[in-house]
């Protein structure tokens, strides 16, 4: 099983303690963001599923020229 790379150093030569500190920092931020997202109500503005549904709209002036007998 291949592991997903969490943090990659592109330049420099950091010590293992510095890499560990950054890993703990980013893991904590990711965990707190995930917990916050789960606790708040999701905004459905711009939901892609709404474009596939046909909404019925009420228009009182749609049939102005119709005579009812």
C-alpha atoms as a PDB file:
ATOM      1  CA  UNK A   1       0.000   0.000   0.000  1.00  0.00           C
ATOM      2  CA  UNK A   2       1.445   3.383  -0.954  1.00  0.00           C
ATOM      3  CA  UNK A   3       1.230   6.175   1.562  1.00  0.00           C
ATOM      4  CA  UNK A   4       0.006   9.619   0.638  1.00  0.00           C
ATOM      5  CA  UNK A   5       2.669  12.325   1.047  1.00  0.00           C
ATOM      6  CA  UNK A   6       1.528  14.785   3.675  1.00  0.00           C
ATOM      7  CA  UNK A   7       4.428  17.219   3.577  1.00  0.00           C
ATOM      8  CA  UNK A   8       7.200  17.589   1.028  1.00  0.00           C
ATOM      9  CA  UNK A   9      10.269  19.806   1.474  1.00  0.00           C
ATOM     10  CA  UNK A  10      11.216  21.367  -1.850  1.00  0.00           C
ATOM     11  CA  UNK A  11      14.364  23.214  -0.825  1.00  0.00           C
ATOM     12  CA  UNK A  12      16.653  23.513   2.151  1.00  0.00           C
ATOM     13  CA  UNK A  13      17.744  20.920   4.653  1.00  0.00           C
ATOM     14  CA  UNK A  14      15.330  20.922   7.623  1.00  0.00           C
ATOM     15  CA  UNK A  15      15.983  18.908  10.737  1.00  0.00           C
ATOM     16  CA  UNK A  16      13.610  16.074  11.601  1.00  0.00           C
ATOM     17  CA  UNK A  17      12.240  18.063  14.566  1.00  0.00           C
ATOM     18  CA  UNK A  18      11.315  20.961  12.256  1.00  0.00           C
ATOM     19  CA  UNK A  19       9.528  18.636   9.849  1.00  0.00           C
ATOM     20  CA  UNK A  20       7.733  16.994  12.775  1.00  0.00           C
ATOM     21  CA  UNK A  21       6.641  20.395  14.105  1.00  0.00           C
ATOM     22  CA  UNK A  22       5.213  21.388  10.726  1.00  0.00           C
ATOM     23  CA  UNK A  23       3.488  18.035  10.375  1.00  0.00           C
ATOM     24  CA  UNK A  24       1.820  18.410  13.773  1.00  0.00           C
ATOM     25  CA  UNK A  25       0.808  21.979  12.946  1.00  0.00           C
ATOM     26  CA  UNK A  26      -0.787  21.119   9.604  1.00  0.00           C
ATOM     27  CA  UNK A  27      -2.451  17.977  10.949  1.00  0.00           C
ATOM     28  CA  UNK A  28      -3.986  19.999  13.783  1.00  0.00           C
ATOM     29  CA  UNK A  29      -5.255  22.651  11.397  1.00  0.00           C
ATOM     30  CA  UNK A  30      -6.777  20.010   9.134  1.00  0.00           C
ATOM     31  CA  UNK A  31      -8.479  18.279  12.070  1.00  0.00           C
ATOM     32  CA  UNK A  32      -9.939  21.531  13.421  1.00  0.00           C
ATOM     33  CA  UNK A  33     -11.194  22.546   9.971  1.00  0.00           C
ATOM     34  CA  UNK A  34     -12.846  19.160   9.529  1.00  0.00           C
ATOM     35  CA  UNK A  35     -14.507  19.386  12.944  1.00  0.00           C
ATOM     36  CA  UNK A  36     -15.738  22.910  12.204  1.00  0.00           C
ATOM     37  CA  UNK A  37     -17.141  21.851   8.842  1.00  0.00           C
ATOM     38  CA  UNK A  38     -19.016  18.953  10.400  1.00  0.00           C
ATOM     39  CA  UNK A  39     -20.553  21.137  13.114  1.00  0.00           C
ATOM     40  CA  UNK A  40     -21.896  23.997  10.992  1.00  0.00           C
ATOM     41  CA  UNK A  41     -24.839  24.034   8.640  1.00  0.00           C
ATOM     42  CA  UNK A  42     -23.878  23.584   5.025  1.00  0.00           C
ATOM     43  CA  UNK A  43     -24.704  26.421   2.658  1.00  0.00           C
ATOM     44  CA  UNK A  44     -26.568  25.074  -0.357  1.00  0.00           C
ATOM     45  CA  UNK A  45     -26.111  28.190  -2.478  1.00  0.00           C
ATOM     46  CA  UNK A  46     -24.873  27.189  -5.898  1.00  0.00           C
ATOM     47  CA  UNK A  47     -25.735  23.513  -5.422  1.00  0.00           C
ATOM     48  CA  UNK A  48     -25.247  21.734  -8.745  1.00  0.00           C
ATOM     49  CA  UNK A  49     -28.219  19.436  -8.128  1.00  0.00           C
ATOM     50  CA  UNK A  50     -30.585  22.404  -8.220  1.00  0.00           C
ATOM     51  CA  UNK A  51     -29.847  22.994 -11.881  1.00  0.00           C
ATOM     52  CA  UNK A  52     -31.218  19.565 -12.714  1.00  0.00           C
ATOM     53  CA  UNK A  53     -34.535  20.076 -10.928  1.00  0.00           C
ATOM     54  CA  UNK A  54     -37.444  21.944 -12.453  1.00  0.00           C
ATOM     55  CA  UNK A  55     -38.900  24.454 -10.028  1.00  0.00           C
ATOM     56  CA  UNK A  56     -42.508  25.482 -10.191  1.00  0.00           C
ATOM     57  CA  UNK A  57     -43.008  29.213  -9.910  1.00  0.00           C
ATOM     58  CA  UNK A  58     -46.233  30.998  -9.177  1.00  0.00           C
ATOM     59  CA  UNK A  59     -46.943  33.874 -11.534  1.00  0.00           C
ATOM     60  CA  UNK A  60     -50.293  35.596 -10.913  1.00  0.00           C
ATOM     61  CA  UNK A  61     -50.049  37.640 -14.115  1.00  0.00           C
ATOM     62  CA  UNK A  62     -49.281  34.728 -16.422  1.00  0.00           C
ATOM     63  CA  UNK A  63     -52.832  34.418 -17.808  1.00  0.00           C
ATOM     64  CA  UNK A  64     -54.115  37.978 -17.896  1.00  0.00           C
ATOM     65  CA  UNK A  65     -55.871  37.572 -21.263  1.00  0.00           C
ATOM     66  CA  UNK A  66     -57.847  34.447 -20.295  1.00  0.00           C
ATOM     67  CA  UNK A  67     -61.595  34.955 -19.811  1.00  0.00           C
ATOM     68  CA  UNK A  68     -63.308  32.622 -17.377  1.00  0.00           C
ATOM     69  CA  UNK A  69     -67.014  32.067 -18.015  1.00  0.00           C
END
